Amino acid sequence: MKRRFHSRSGGVPRDVYVYDARKRTARRLAASDAFTFILASNETAYFVVAPVARAGIALLGDEGKFVPDGRKRIAALSDEPDRLTATVMFAAAGAIRAAVRLRHAATHGHSADRLHG
């Protein structure tokens, strides 16, 4: 069955990245666009929706975590025109694999999305 949602219906009135945690893919979505996906009647889906910061990046959080950017992990976030700064809290022996979406200009006027982690 075809499903859809808008980021603004979740309270995010700007561009977002929608990360499909199961497929490990992401797509940038304009604030006015709907995210559409197919979901069988016996399936579930899990998407992380992260706003695009003024610097053009989105912080997706800890890869593989159910709550990837909870307040216990991301203590502070500063959205500035040329950077997104995150204060990350670590456990005594903890380590994370963080994922950030960057939008790079490619040749011939096209752009490419790359996942960095």
PDB file of N, CA and C in Angstrom:
ATOM      1  N   MET A   1       0.840  -1.168   0.000  1.00  0.00           N
ATOM      2  CA  MET A   1       0.000   0.000   0.000  1.00  0.00           C
ATOM      3  C   MET A   1       0.894   1.244   0.000  1.00  0.00           C
ATOM      4  N   LYS A   2       0.526   2.233  -0.775  1.00  0.00           N
ATOM      5  CA  LYS A   2       1.285   3.464  -0.875  1.00  0.00           C
ATOM      6  C   LYS A   2       0.976   4.358   0.328  1.00  0.00           C
ATOM      7  N   ARG A   3       2.040   4.835   0.980  1.00  0.00           N
ATOM      8  CA  ARG A   3       1.911   5.717   2.159  1.00  0.00           C
ATOM      9  C   ARG A   3       2.682   6.998   1.896  1.00  0.00           C
ATOM     10  N   ARG A   4       2.343   8.043   2.639  1.00  0.00           N
ATOM     11  CA  ARG A   4       3.067   9.303   2.489  1.00  0.00           C
ATOM     12  C   ARG A   4       2.975  10.129   3.761  1.00  0.00           C
ATOM     13  N   PHE A   5       3.967  11.001   3.940  1.00  0.00           N
ATOM     14  CA  PHE A   5       3.913  11.982   5.023  1.00  0.00           C
ATOM     15  C   PHE A   5       4.699  13.222   4.610  1.00  0.00           C
ATOM     16  N   HIS A   6       4.401  14.334   5.282  1.00  0.00           N
ATOM     17  CA  HIS A   6       5.096  15.603   5.081  1.00  0.00           C
ATOM     18  C   HIS A   6       5.874  15.924   6.353  1.00  0.00           C
ATOM     19  N   SER A   7       7.071  16.460   6.207  1.00  0.00           N
ATOM     20  CA  SER A   7       7.853  16.830   7.391  1.00  0.00           C
ATOM     21  C   SER A   7       7.150  17.916   8.196  1.00  0.00           C
ATOM     22  N   ARG A   8       6.445  18.800   7.526  1.00  0.00           N
ATOM     23  CA  ARG A   8       5.765  19.885   8.249  1.00  0.00           C
ATOM     24  C   ARG A   8       4.652  19.359   9.150  1.00  0.00           C
ATOM     25  N   SER A   9       4.072  18.193   8.819  1.00  0.00           N
ATOM     26  CA  SER A   9       3.039  17.621   9.680  1.00  0.00           C
ATOM     27  C   SER A   9       3.637  17.108  10.985  1.00  0.00           C
ATOM     28  N   GLY A  10       4.936  16.870  10.990  1.00  0.00           N
ATOM     29  CA  GLY A  10       5.641  16.479  12.214  1.00  0.00           C
ATOM     30  C   GLY A  10       6.278  17.655  12.921  1.00  0.00           C
ATOM     31  N   GLY A  11       5.993  18.866  12.461  1.00  0.00           N
ATOM     32  CA  GLY A  11       6.497  20.063  13.128  1.00  0.00           C
ATOM     33  C   GLY A  11       7.821  20.577  12.593  1.00  0.00           C
ATOM     34  N   VAL A  12       8.269  20.100  11.427  1.00  0.00           N
ATOM     35  CA  VAL A  12       9.530  20.559  10.842  1.00  0.00           C
ATOM     36  C   VAL A  12       9.194  21.343   9.564  1.00  0.00           C
ATOM     37  N   PRO A  13       9.187  22.675   9.631  1.00  0.00           N
ATOM     38  CA  PRO A  13       8.752  23.473   8.483  1.00  0.00           C
ATOM     39  C   PRO A  13       9.858  23.812   7.481  1.00  0.00           C
ATOM     40  N   ARG A  14      10.878  22.963   7.374  1.00  0.00           N
ATOM     41  CA  ARG A  14      11.967  23.224   6.420  1.00  0.00           C
ATOM     42  C   ARG A  14      12.438  21.916   5.797  1.00  0.00           C
ATOM     43  N   ASP A  15      13.423  21.996   4.917  1.00  0.00           N
ATOM     44  CA  ASP A  15      13.946  20.795   4.271  1.00  0.00           C
ATOM     45  C   ASP A  15      14.450  19.806   5.312  1.00  0.00           C
ATOM     46  N   VAL A  16      14.307  18.529   4.990  1.00  0.00           N
ATOM     47  CA  VAL A  16      14.744  17.469   5.899  1.00  0.00           C
ATOM     48  C   VAL A  16      15.449  16.371   5.104  1.00  0.00           C
ATOM     49  N   TYR A  17      16.161  15.524   5.824  1.00  0.00           N
ATOM     50  CA  TYR A  17      16.610  14.247   5.282  1.00  0.00           C
ATOM     51  C   TYR A  17      15.752  13.176   5.925  1.00  0.00           C
ATOM     52  N   VAL A  18      15.262  12.260   5.105  1.00  0.00           N
ATOM     53  CA  VAL A  18      14.505  11.120   5.592  1.00  0.00           C
ATOM     54  C   VAL A  18      15.407   9.909   5.426  1.00  0.00           C
ATOM     55  N   TYR A  19      15.762   9.299   6.558  1.00  0.00           N
ATOM     56  CA  TYR A  19      16.671   8.158   6.568  1.00  0.00           C
ATOM     57  C   TYR A  19      15.867   6.889   6.827  1.00  0.00           C
ATOM     58  N   ASP A  20      15.950   5.953   5.903  1.00  0.00           N
ATOM     59  CA  ASP A  20      15.307   4.654   6.062  1.00  0.00           C
ATOM     60  C   ASP A  20      16.291   3.765   6.819  1.00  0.00           C
ATOM     61  N   ALA A  21      16.027   3.547   8.095  1.00  0.00           N
ATOM     62  CA  ALA A  21      16.955   2.813   8.957  1.00  0.00           C
ATOM     63  C   ALA A  21      17.139   1.361   8.526  1.00  0.00           C
ATOM     64  N   ARG A  22      16.152   0.771   7.946  1.00  0.00           N
ATOM     65  CA  ARG A  22      16.265  -0.630   7.526  1.00  0.00           C
ATOM     66  C   ARG A  22      17.067  -0.783   6.239  1.00  0.00           C
ATOM     67  N   LYS A  23      16.839   0.112   5.304  1.00  0.00           N
ATOM     68  CA  LYS A  23      17.538   0.030   4.015  1.00  0.00           C
ATOM     69  C   LYS A  23      18.866   0.797   4.017  1.00  0.00           C
ATOM     70  N   ARG A  24      19.063   1.619   5.068  1.00  0.00           N
ATOM     71  CA  ARG A  24      20.270   2.445   5.207  1.00  0.00           C
ATOM     72  C   ARG A  24      20.430   3.381   4.016  1.00  0.00           C
ATOM     73  N   THR A  25      19.336   4.028   3.625  1.00  0.00           N
ATOM     74  CA  THR A  25      19.341   5.011   2.554  1.00  0.00           C
ATOM     75  C   THR A  25      18.712   6.292   3.067  1.00  0.00           C
ATOM     76  N   ALA A  26      19.064   7.396   2.444  1.00  0.00           N
ATOM     77  CA  ALA A  26      18.506   8.682   2.849  1.00  0.00           C
ATOM     78  C   ALA A  26      18.159   9.494   1.615  1.00  0.00           C
ATOM     79  N   ARG A  27      17.211  10.378   1.805  1.00  0.00           N
ATOM     80  CA  ARG A  27      16.784  11.245   0.717  1.00  0.00           C
ATOM     81  C   ARG A  27      16.458  12.619   1.262  1.00  0.00           C
ATOM     82  N   ARG A  28      16.970  13.650   0.579  1.00  0.00           N
ATOM     83  CA  ARG A  28      16.630  15.014   0.976  1.00  0.00           C
ATOM     84  C   ARG A  28      15.238  15.337   0.447  1.00  0.00           C
ATOM     85  N   LEU A  29      14.459  15.997   1.283  1.00  0.00           N
ATOM     86  CA  LEU A  29      13.076  16.300   0.956  1.00  0.00           C
ATOM     87  C   LEU A  29      12.824  17.782   1.215  1.00  0.00           C
ATOM     88  N   ALA A  30      12.306  18.477   0.227  1.00  0.00           N
ATOM     89  CA  ALA A  30      11.945  19.886   0.405  1.00  0.00           C
ATOM     90  C   ALA A  30      10.773  19.986   1.374  1.00  0.00           C
ATOM     91  N   ALA A  31      10.687  21.091   2.066  1.00  0.00           N
ATOM     92  CA  ALA A  31       9.635  21.276   3.071  1.00  0.00           C
ATOM     93  C   ALA A  31       8.237  21.109   2.472  1.00  0.00           C
ATOM     94  N   SER A  32       8.084  21.434   1.217  1.00  0.00           N
ATOM     95  CA  SER A  32       6.768  21.352   0.582  1.00  0.00           C
ATOM     96  C   SER A  32       6.467  19.975  -0.013  1.00  0.00           C
ATOM     97  N   ASP A  33       7.460  19.087  -0.048  1.00  0.00           N
ATOM     98  CA  ASP A  33       7.287  17.773  -0.672  1.00  0.00           C
ATOM     99  C   ASP A  33       6.812  16.717   0.319  1.00  0.00           C
ATOM    100  N   ALA A  34       6.131  15.725  -0.209  1.00  0.00           N
ATOM    101  CA  ALA A  34       5.705  14.575   0.595  1.00  0.00           C
ATOM    102  C   ALA A  34       6.704  13.443   0.389  1.00  0.00           C
ATOM    103  N   PHE A  35       6.940  12.679   1.433  1.00  0.00           N
ATOM    104  CA  PHE A  35       7.753  11.472   1.334  1.00  0.00           C
ATOM    105  C   PHE A  35       6.791  10.314   1.097  1.00  0.00           C
ATOM    106  N   THR A  36       6.988   9.594   0.002  1.00  0.00           N
ATOM    107  CA  THR A  36       6.101   8.512  -0.380  1.00  0.00           C
ATOM    108  C   THR A  36       6.862   7.197  -0.362  1.00  0.00           C
ATOM    109  N   PHE A  37       6.221   6.152   0.153  1.00  0.00           N
ATOM    110  CA  PHE A  37       6.848   4.832   0.201  1.00  0.00           C
ATOM    111  C   PHE A  37       5.769   3.766   0.135  1.00  0.00           C
ATOM    112  N   ILE A  38       6.190   2.568  -0.228  1.00  0.00           N
ATOM    113  CA  ILE A  38       5.276   1.422  -0.319  1.00  0.00           C
ATOM    114  C   ILE A  38       5.445   0.582   0.942  1.00  0.00           C
ATOM    115  N   LEU A  39       4.332   0.173   1.531  1.00  0.00           N
ATOM    116  CA  LEU A  39       4.356  -0.632   2.741  1.00  0.00           C
ATOM    117  C   LEU A  39       3.282  -1.708   2.639  1.00  0.00           C
ATOM    118  N   ALA A  40       3.720  -2.967   2.638  1.00  0.00           N
ATOM    119  CA  ALA A  40       2.775  -4.080   2.595  1.00  0.00           C
ATOM    120  C   ALA A  40       1.991  -4.144   3.910  1.00  0.00           C
ATOM    121  N   SER A  41       0.845  -4.786   3.900  1.00  0.00           N
ATOM    122  CA  SER A  41      -0.019  -4.831   5.081  1.00  0.00           C
ATOM    123  C   SER A  41       0.627  -5.525   6.270  1.00  0.00           C
ATOM    124  N   ASN A  42       1.599  -6.413   6.032  1.00  0.00           N
ATOM    125  CA  ASN A  42       2.250  -7.130   7.140  1.00  0.00           C
ATOM    126  C   ASN A  42       3.635  -6.572   7.452  1.00  0.00           C
ATOM    127  N   GLU A  43       3.995  -5.417   6.913  1.00  0.00           N
ATOM    128  CA  GLU A  43       5.309  -4.823   7.122  1.00  0.00           C
ATOM    129  C   GLU A  43       5.231  -3.602   8.031  1.00  0.00           C
ATOM    130  N   THR A  44       6.391  -3.233   8.557  1.00  0.00           N
ATOM    131  CA  THR A  44       6.538  -1.992   9.303  1.00  0.00           C
ATOM    132  C   THR A  44       7.686  -1.210   8.673  1.00  0.00           C
ATOM    133  N   ALA A  45       7.772   0.061   9.002  1.00  0.00           N
ATOM    134  CA  ALA A  45       8.838   0.914   8.495  1.00  0.00           C
ATOM    135  C   ALA A  45       9.356   1.769   9.638  1.00  0.00           C
ATOM    136  N   TYR A  46      10.626   2.169   9.540  1.00  0.00           N
ATOM    137  CA  TYR A  46      11.209   3.060  10.545  1.00  0.00           C
ATOM    138  C   TYR A  46      12.063   4.095   9.825  1.00  0.00           C
ATOM    139  N   PHE A  47      11.646   5.353   9.907  1.00  0.00           N
ATOM    140  CA  PHE A  47      12.352   6.449   9.267  1.00  0.00           C
ATOM    141  C   PHE A  47      12.804   7.447  10.322  1.00  0.00           C
ATOM    142  N   VAL A  48      14.011   7.980  10.148  1.00  0.00           N
ATOM    143  CA  VAL A  48      14.509   9.077  10.966  1.00  0.00           C
ATOM    144  C   VAL A  48      14.396  10.324  10.099  1.00  0.00           C
ATOM    145  N   VAL A  49      13.715  11.341  10.600  1.00  0.00           N
ATOM    146  CA  VAL A  49      13.546  12.590   9.872  1.00  0.00           C
ATOM    147  C   VAL A  49      14.361  13.651  10.597  1.00  0.00           C
ATOM    148  N   ALA A  50      15.372  14.201   9.891  1.00  0.00           N
ATOM    149  CA  ALA A  50      16.268  15.180  10.501  1.00  0.00           C
ATOM    150  C   ALA A  50      16.235  16.476   9.698  1.00  0.00           C
ATOM    151  N   PRO A  51      16.050  17.608  10.370  1.00  0.00           N
ATOM    152  CA  PRO A  51      16.023  18.882   9.641  1.00  0.00           C
ATOM    153  C   PRO A  51      17.397  19.205   9.053  1.00  0.00           C
ATOM    154  N   VAL A  52      17.387  19.852   7.901  1.00  0.00           N
ATOM    155  CA  VAL A  52      18.633  20.308   7.282  1.00  0.00           C
ATOM    156  C   VAL A  52      19.015  21.622   7.949  1.00  0.00           C
ATOM    157  N   ALA A  53      20.218  21.663   8.494  1.00  0.00           N
ATOM    158  CA  ALA A  53      20.713  22.861   9.175  1.00  0.00           C
ATOM    159  C   ALA A  53      21.036  23.954   8.154  1.00  0.00           C
ATOM    160  N   ARG A  54      21.259  25.160   8.642  1.00  0.00           N
ATOM    161  CA  ARG A  54      21.582  26.278   7.750  1.00  0.00           C
ATOM    162  C   ARG A  54      22.864  26.022   6.966  1.00  0.00           C
ATOM    163  N   ALA A  55      23.756  25.206   7.493  1.00  0.00           N
ATOM    164  CA  ALA A  55      25.004  24.869   6.800  1.00  0.00           C
ATOM    165  C   ALA A  55      24.775  23.832   5.704  1.00  0.00           C
ATOM    166  N   GLY A  56      23.548  23.309   5.597  1.00  0.00           N
ATOM    167  CA  GLY A  56      23.224  22.355   4.545  1.00  0.00           C
ATOM    168  C   GLY A  56      23.427  20.905   4.926  1.00  0.00           C
ATOM    169  N   ILE A  57      23.633  20.615   6.213  1.00  0.00           N
ATOM    170  CA  ILE A  57      23.816  19.231   6.661  1.00  0.00           C
ATOM    171  C   ILE A  57      22.723  18.847   7.646  1.00  0.00           C
ATOM    172  N   ALA A  58      22.566  17.549   7.830  1.00  0.00           N
ATOM    173  CA  ALA A  58      21.582  17.041   8.791  1.00  0.00           C
ATOM    174  C   ALA A  58      22.280  16.053   9.715  1.00  0.00           C
ATOM    175  N   LEU A  59      22.038  16.172  10.997  1.00  0.00           N
ATOM    176  CA  LEU A  59      22.588  15.239  11.977  1.00  0.00           C
ATOM    177  C   LEU A  59      21.578  14.121  12.177  1.00  0.00           C
ATOM    178  N   LEU A  60      21.975  12.911  11.776  1.00  0.00           N
ATOM    179  CA  LEU A  60      21.080  11.760  11.893  1.00  0.00           C
ATOM    180  C   LEU A  60      21.246  11.030  13.214  1.00  0.00           C
ATOM    181  N   GLY A  61      22.405  11.132  13.849  1.00  0.00           N
ATOM    182  CA  GLY A  61      22.620  10.521  15.151  1.00  0.00           C
ATOM    183  C   GLY A  61      23.315   9.187  15.090  1.00  0.00           C
ATOM    184  N   ASP A  62      23.208   8.418  16.173  1.00  0.00           N
ATOM    185  CA  ASP A  62      23.856   7.107  16.289  1.00  0.00           C
ATOM    186  C   ASP A  62      23.255   6.117  15.306  1.00  0.00           C
ATOM    187  N   GLU A  63      24.097   5.545  14.486  1.00  0.00           N
ATOM    188  CA  GLU A  63      23.622   4.563  13.521  1.00  0.00           C
ATOM    189  C   GLU A  63      23.164   3.300  14.260  1.00  0.00           C
ATOM    190  N   GLY A  64      21.999   2.814  13.890  1.00  0.00           N
ATOM    191  CA  GLY A  64      21.490   1.566  14.456  1.00  0.00           C
ATOM    192  C   GLY A  64      20.756   1.704  15.777  1.00  0.00           C
ATOM    193  N   LYS A  65      20.628   2.894  16.305  1.00  0.00           N
ATOM    194  CA  LYS A  65      19.912   3.094  17.570  1.00  0.00           C
ATOM    195  C   LYS A  65      18.449   3.446  17.283  1.00  0.00           C
ATOM    196  N   PHE A  66      17.551   2.972  18.144  1.00  0.00           N
ATOM    197  CA  PHE A  66      16.125   3.259  17.960  1.00  0.00           C
ATOM    198  C   PHE A  66      15.843   4.744  18.128  1.00  0.00           C
ATOM    199  N   VAL A  67      16.495   5.379  19.102  1.00  0.00           N
ATOM    200  CA  VAL A  67      16.416   6.831  19.285  1.00  0.00           C
ATOM    201  C   VAL A  67      17.817   7.363  18.993  1.00  0.00           C
ATOM    202  N   PRO A  68      18.118   7.696  17.731  1.00  0.00           N
ATOM    203  CA  PRO A  68      19.484   7.998  17.331  1.00  0.00           C
ATOM    204  C   PRO A  68      20.063   9.301  17.849  1.00  0.00           C
ATOM    205  N   ASP A  69      19.216  10.237  18.247  1.00  0.00           N
ATOM    206  CA  ASP A  69      19.747  11.529  18.698  1.00  0.00           C
ATOM    207  C   ASP A  69      19.035  12.027  19.953  1.00  0.00           C
ATOM    208  N   GLY A  70      18.867  11.139  20.909  1.00  0.00           N
ATOM    209  CA  GLY A  70      18.198  11.497  22.153  1.00  0.00           C
ATOM    210  C   GLY A  70      18.980  12.498  22.976  1.00  0.00           C
ATOM    211  N   ARG A  71      18.318  13.141  23.903  1.00  0.00           N
ATOM    212  CA  ARG A  71      18.945  14.174  24.749  1.00  0.00           C
ATOM    213  C   ARG A  71      20.071  13.642  25.621  1.00  0.00           C
ATOM    214  N   LYS A  72      20.031  12.349  25.943  1.00  0.00           N
ATOM    215  CA  LYS A  72      21.122  11.781  26.746  1.00  0.00           C
ATOM    216  C   LYS A  72      22.401  11.665  25.937  1.00  0.00           C
ATOM    217  N   ARG A  73      22.302  11.589  24.611  1.00  0.00           N
ATOM    218  CA  ARG A  73      23.486  11.478  23.748  1.00  0.00           C
ATOM    219  C   ARG A  73      23.884  12.841  23.178  1.00  0.00           C
ATOM    220  N   ILE A  74      22.926  13.595  22.646  1.00  0.00           N
ATOM    221  CA  ILE A  74      23.200  14.912  22.059  1.00  0.00           C
ATOM    222  C   ILE A  74      22.801  15.963  23.095  1.00  0.00           C
ATOM    223  N   ALA A  75      23.787  16.464  23.828  1.00  0.00           N
ATOM    224  CA  ALA A  75      23.523  17.391  24.925  1.00  0.00           C
ATOM    225  C   ALA A  75      23.192  18.796  24.430  1.00  0.00           C
ATOM    226  N   ALA A  76      23.779  19.196  23.307  1.00  0.00           N
ATOM    227  CA  ALA A  76      23.526  20.530  22.760  1.00  0.00           C
ATOM    228  C   ALA A  76      23.751  20.500  21.258  1.00  0.00           C
ATOM    229  N   LEU A  77      23.033  21.389  20.575  1.00  0.00           N
ATOM    230  CA  LEU A  77      23.139  21.486  19.124  1.00  0.00           C
ATOM    231  C   LEU A  77      23.065  22.960  18.754  1.00  0.00           C
ATOM    232  N   SER A  78      24.039  23.428  17.977  1.00  0.00           N
ATOM    233  CA  SER A  78      24.086  24.825  17.565  1.00  0.00           C
ATOM    234  C   SER A  78      24.074  24.889  16.042  1.00  0.00           C
ATOM    235  N   ASP A  79      23.054  25.527  15.489  1.00  0.00           N
ATOM    236  CA  ASP A  79      22.857  25.641  14.046  1.00  0.00           C
ATOM    237  C   ASP A  79      23.303  27.024  13.597  1.00  0.00           C
ATOM    238  N   GLU A  80      24.481  27.097  12.989  1.00  0.00           N
ATOM    239  CA  GLU A  80      25.036  28.356  12.505  1.00  0.00           C
ATOM    240  C   GLU A  80      25.083  28.326  10.983  1.00  0.00           C
ATOM    241  N   PRO A  81      25.198  29.498  10.325  1.00  0.00           N
ATOM    242  CA  PRO A  81      25.172  29.515   8.860  1.00  0.00           C
ATOM    243  C   PRO A  81      26.245  28.661   8.187  1.00  0.00           C
ATOM    244  N   ASP A  82      27.411  28.518   8.803  1.00  0.00           N
ATOM    245  CA  ASP A  82      28.491  27.778   8.154  1.00  0.00           C
ATOM    246  C   ASP A  82      28.870  26.481   8.864  1.00  0.00           C
ATOM    247  N   ARG A  83      28.126  26.099   9.907  1.00  0.00           N
ATOM    248  CA  ARG A  83      28.450  24.865  10.622  1.00  0.00           C
ATOM    249  C   ARG A  83      27.291  24.425  11.524  1.00  0.00           C
ATOM    250  N   LEU A  84      27.272  23.133  11.778  1.00  0.00           N
ATOM    251  CA  LEU A  84      26.357  22.548  12.751  1.00  0.00           C
ATOM    252  C   LEU A  84      27.241  21.937  13.822  1.00  0.00           C
ATOM    253  N   THR A  85      27.123  22.415  15.054  1.00  0.00           N
ATOM    254  CA  THR A  85      27.973  21.955  16.146  1.00  0.00           C
ATOM    255  C   THR A  85      27.135  21.144  17.123  1.00  0.00           C
ATOM    256  N   ALA A  86      27.595  19.934  17.432  1.00  0.00           N
ATOM    257  CA  ALA A  86      26.886  19.060  18.364  1.00  0.00           C
ATOM    258  C   ALA A  86      27.788  18.749  19.545  1.00  0.00           C
ATOM    259  N   THR A  87      27.217  18.804  20.747  1.00  0.00           N
ATOM    260  CA  THR A  87      27.909  18.337  21.946  1.00  0.00           C
ATOM    261  C   THR A  87      27.399  16.932  22.215  1.00  0.00           C
ATOM    262  N   VAL A  88      28.290  15.952  22.089  1.00  0.00           N
ATOM    263  CA  VAL A  88      27.922  14.543  22.190  1.00  0.00           C
ATOM    264  C   VAL A  88      28.425  13.986  23.514  1.00  0.00           C
ATOM    265  N   MET A  89      27.541  13.303  24.256  1.00  0.00           N
ATOM    266  CA  MET A  89      27.903  12.682  25.530  1.00  0.00           C
ATOM    267  C   MET A  89      28.251  11.213  25.282  1.00  0.00           C
ATOM    268  N   PHE A  90      29.357  10.778  25.860  1.00  0.00           N
ATOM    269  CA  PHE A  90      29.809   9.401  25.700  1.00  0.00           C
ATOM    270  C   PHE A  90      29.760   8.669  27.034  1.00  0.00           C
ATOM    271  N   ALA A  91      29.501   7.363  26.978  1.00  0.00           N
ATOM    272  CA  ALA A  91      29.612   6.521  28.171  1.00  0.00           C
ATOM    273  C   ALA A  91      31.100   6.320  28.449  1.00  0.00           C
ATOM    274  N   ALA A  92      31.429   5.787  29.612  1.00  0.00           N
ATOM    275  CA  ALA A  92      32.830   5.605  29.994  1.00  0.00           C
ATOM    276  C   ALA A  92      33.628   4.840  28.935  1.00  0.00           C
ATOM    277  N   ALA A  93      33.075   3.785  28.406  1.00  0.00           N
ATOM    278  CA  ALA A  93      33.780   2.997  27.385  1.00  0.00           C
ATOM    279  C   ALA A  93      33.026   3.020  26.066  1.00  0.00           C
ATOM    280  N   GLY A  94      32.271   4.083  25.851  1.00  0.00           N
ATOM    281  CA  GLY A  94      31.400   4.120  24.676  1.00  0.00           C
ATOM    282  C   GLY A  94      32.089   4.627  23.424  1.00  0.00           C
ATOM    283  N   ALA A  95      31.542   4.235  22.328  1.00  0.00           N
ATOM    284  CA  ALA A  95      31.972   4.725  21.018  1.00  0.00           C
ATOM    285  C   ALA A  95      30.735   4.791  20.146  1.00  0.00           C
ATOM    286  N   ILE A  96      30.739   5.685  19.202  1.00  0.00           N
ATOM    287  CA  ILE A  96      29.603   5.803  18.301  1.00  0.00           C
ATOM    288  C   ILE A  96      30.073   5.827  16.857  1.00  0.00           C
ATOM    289  N   ARG A  97      29.160   5.528  15.981  1.00  0.00           N
ATOM    290  CA  ARG A  97      29.359   5.751  14.553  1.00  0.00           C
ATOM    291  C   ARG A  97      28.284   6.754  14.178  1.00  0.00           C
ATOM    292  N   ALA A  98      28.676   7.979  13.921  1.00  0.00           N
ATOM    293  CA  ALA A  98      27.731   9.043  13.602  1.00  0.00           C
ATOM    294  C   ALA A  98      27.569   9.147  12.099  1.00  0.00           C
ATOM    295  N   ALA A  99      26.382   9.499  11.684  1.00  0.00           N
ATOM    296  CA  ALA A  99      26.101   9.661  10.267  1.00  0.00           C
ATOM    297  C   ALA A  99      25.662  11.093  10.010  1.00  0.00           C
ATOM    298  N   VAL A 100      26.245  11.715   9.010  1.00  0.00           N
ATOM    299  CA  VAL A 100      25.937  13.093   8.646  1.00  0.00           C
ATOM    300  C   VAL A 100      25.658  13.129   7.160  1.00  0.00           C
ATOM    301  N   ARG A 101      24.625  13.849   6.766  1.00  0.00           N
ATOM    302  CA  ARG A 101      24.338  14.003   5.337  1.00  0.00           C
ATOM    303  C   ARG A 101      24.963  15.299   4.849  1.00  0.00           C
ATOM    304  N   LEU A 102      25.741  15.214   3.783  1.00  0.00           N
ATOM    305  CA  LEU A 102      26.352  16.390   3.171  1.00  0.00           C
ATOM    306  C   LEU A 102      25.846  16.501   1.746  1.00  0.00           C
ATOM    307  N   ARG A 103      25.654  17.707   1.296  1.00  0.00           N
ATOM    308  CA  ARG A 103      25.237  17.924  -0.084  1.00  0.00           C
ATOM    309  C   ARG A 103      26.416  18.554  -0.804  1.00  0.00           C
ATOM    310  N   HIS A 104      26.994  17.826  -1.759  1.00  0.00           N
ATOM    311  CA  HIS A 104      28.154  18.289  -2.516  1.00  0.00           C
ATOM    312  C   HIS A 104      27.732  18.700  -3.911  1.00  0.00           C
ATOM    313  N   ALA A 105      28.335  19.767  -4.420  1.00  0.00           N
ATOM    314  CA  ALA A 105      28.097  20.146  -5.809  1.00  0.00           C
ATOM    315  C   ALA A 105      28.908  19.204  -6.686  1.00  0.00           C
ATOM    316  N   ALA A 106      28.260  18.637  -7.655  1.00  0.00           N
ATOM    317  CA  ALA A 106      28.934  17.751  -8.597  1.00  0.00           C
ATOM    318  C   ALA A 106      29.136  18.498  -9.916  1.00  0.00           C
ATOM    319  N   THR A 107      29.773  17.874 -10.860  1.00  0.00           N
ATOM    320  CA  THR A 107      30.033  18.520 -12.133  1.00  0.00           C
ATOM    321  C   THR A 107      28.759  18.677 -12.936  1.00  0.00           C
ATOM    322  N   HIS A 108      28.780  19.568 -13.871  1.00  0.00           N
ATOM    323  CA  HIS A 108      27.693  19.813 -14.815  1.00  0.00           C
ATOM    324  C   HIS A 108      26.407  20.296 -14.149  1.00  0.00           C
ATOM    325  N   GLY A 109      26.536  21.011 -13.033  1.00  0.00           N
ATOM    326  CA  GLY A 109      25.371  21.613 -12.413  1.00  0.00           C
ATOM    327  C   GLY A 109      24.484  20.664 -11.643  1.00  0.00           C
ATOM    328  N   HIS A 110      24.865  19.418 -11.470  1.00  0.00           N
ATOM    329  CA  HIS A 110      24.075  18.461 -10.704  1.00  0.00           C
ATOM    330  C   HIS A 110      24.628  18.384  -9.291  1.00  0.00           C
ATOM    331  N   SER A 111      23.865  17.845  -8.394  1.00  0.00           N
ATOM    332  CA  SER A 111      24.347  17.659  -7.032  1.00  0.00           C
ATOM    333  C   SER A 111      24.199  16.195  -6.646  1.00  0.00           C
ATOM    334  N   ALA A 112      25.002  15.793  -5.689  1.00  0.00           N
ATOM    335  CA  ALA A 112      24.975  14.401  -5.245  1.00  0.00           C
ATOM    336  C   ALA A 112      24.909  14.373  -3.730  1.00  0.00           C
ATOM    337  N   ASP A 113      24.123  13.453  -3.193  1.00  0.00           N
ATOM    338  CA  ASP A 113      24.038  13.264  -1.746  1.00  0.00           C
ATOM    339  C   ASP A 113      24.961  12.119  -1.368  1.00  0.00           C
ATOM    340  N   ARG A 114      25.720  12.319  -0.300  1.00  0.00           N
ATOM    341  CA  ARG A 114      26.616  11.278   0.165  1.00  0.00           C
ATOM    342  C   ARG A 114      26.425  11.097   1.659  1.00  0.00           C
ATOM    343  N   LEU A 115      26.466   9.866   2.103  1.00  0.00           N
ATOM    344  CA  LEU A 115      26.343   9.555   3.522  1.00  0.00           C
ATOM    345  C   LEU A 115      27.733   9.368   4.083  1.00  0.00           C
ATOM    346  N   HIS A 116      28.083  10.133   5.109  1.00  0.00           N
ATOM    347  CA  HIS A 116      29.387  10.031   5.748  1.00  0.00           C
ATOM    348  C   HIS A 116      29.179   9.520   7.167  1.00  0.00           C
ATOM    349  N   GLY A 117      29.950   8.549   7.548  1.00  0.00           N
ATOM    350  CA  GLY A 117      29.792   8.012   8.897  1.00  0.00           C
ATOM    351  C   GLY A 117      31.075   7.536   9.458  1.00  0.00           C
TER     352      GLY A 117
END
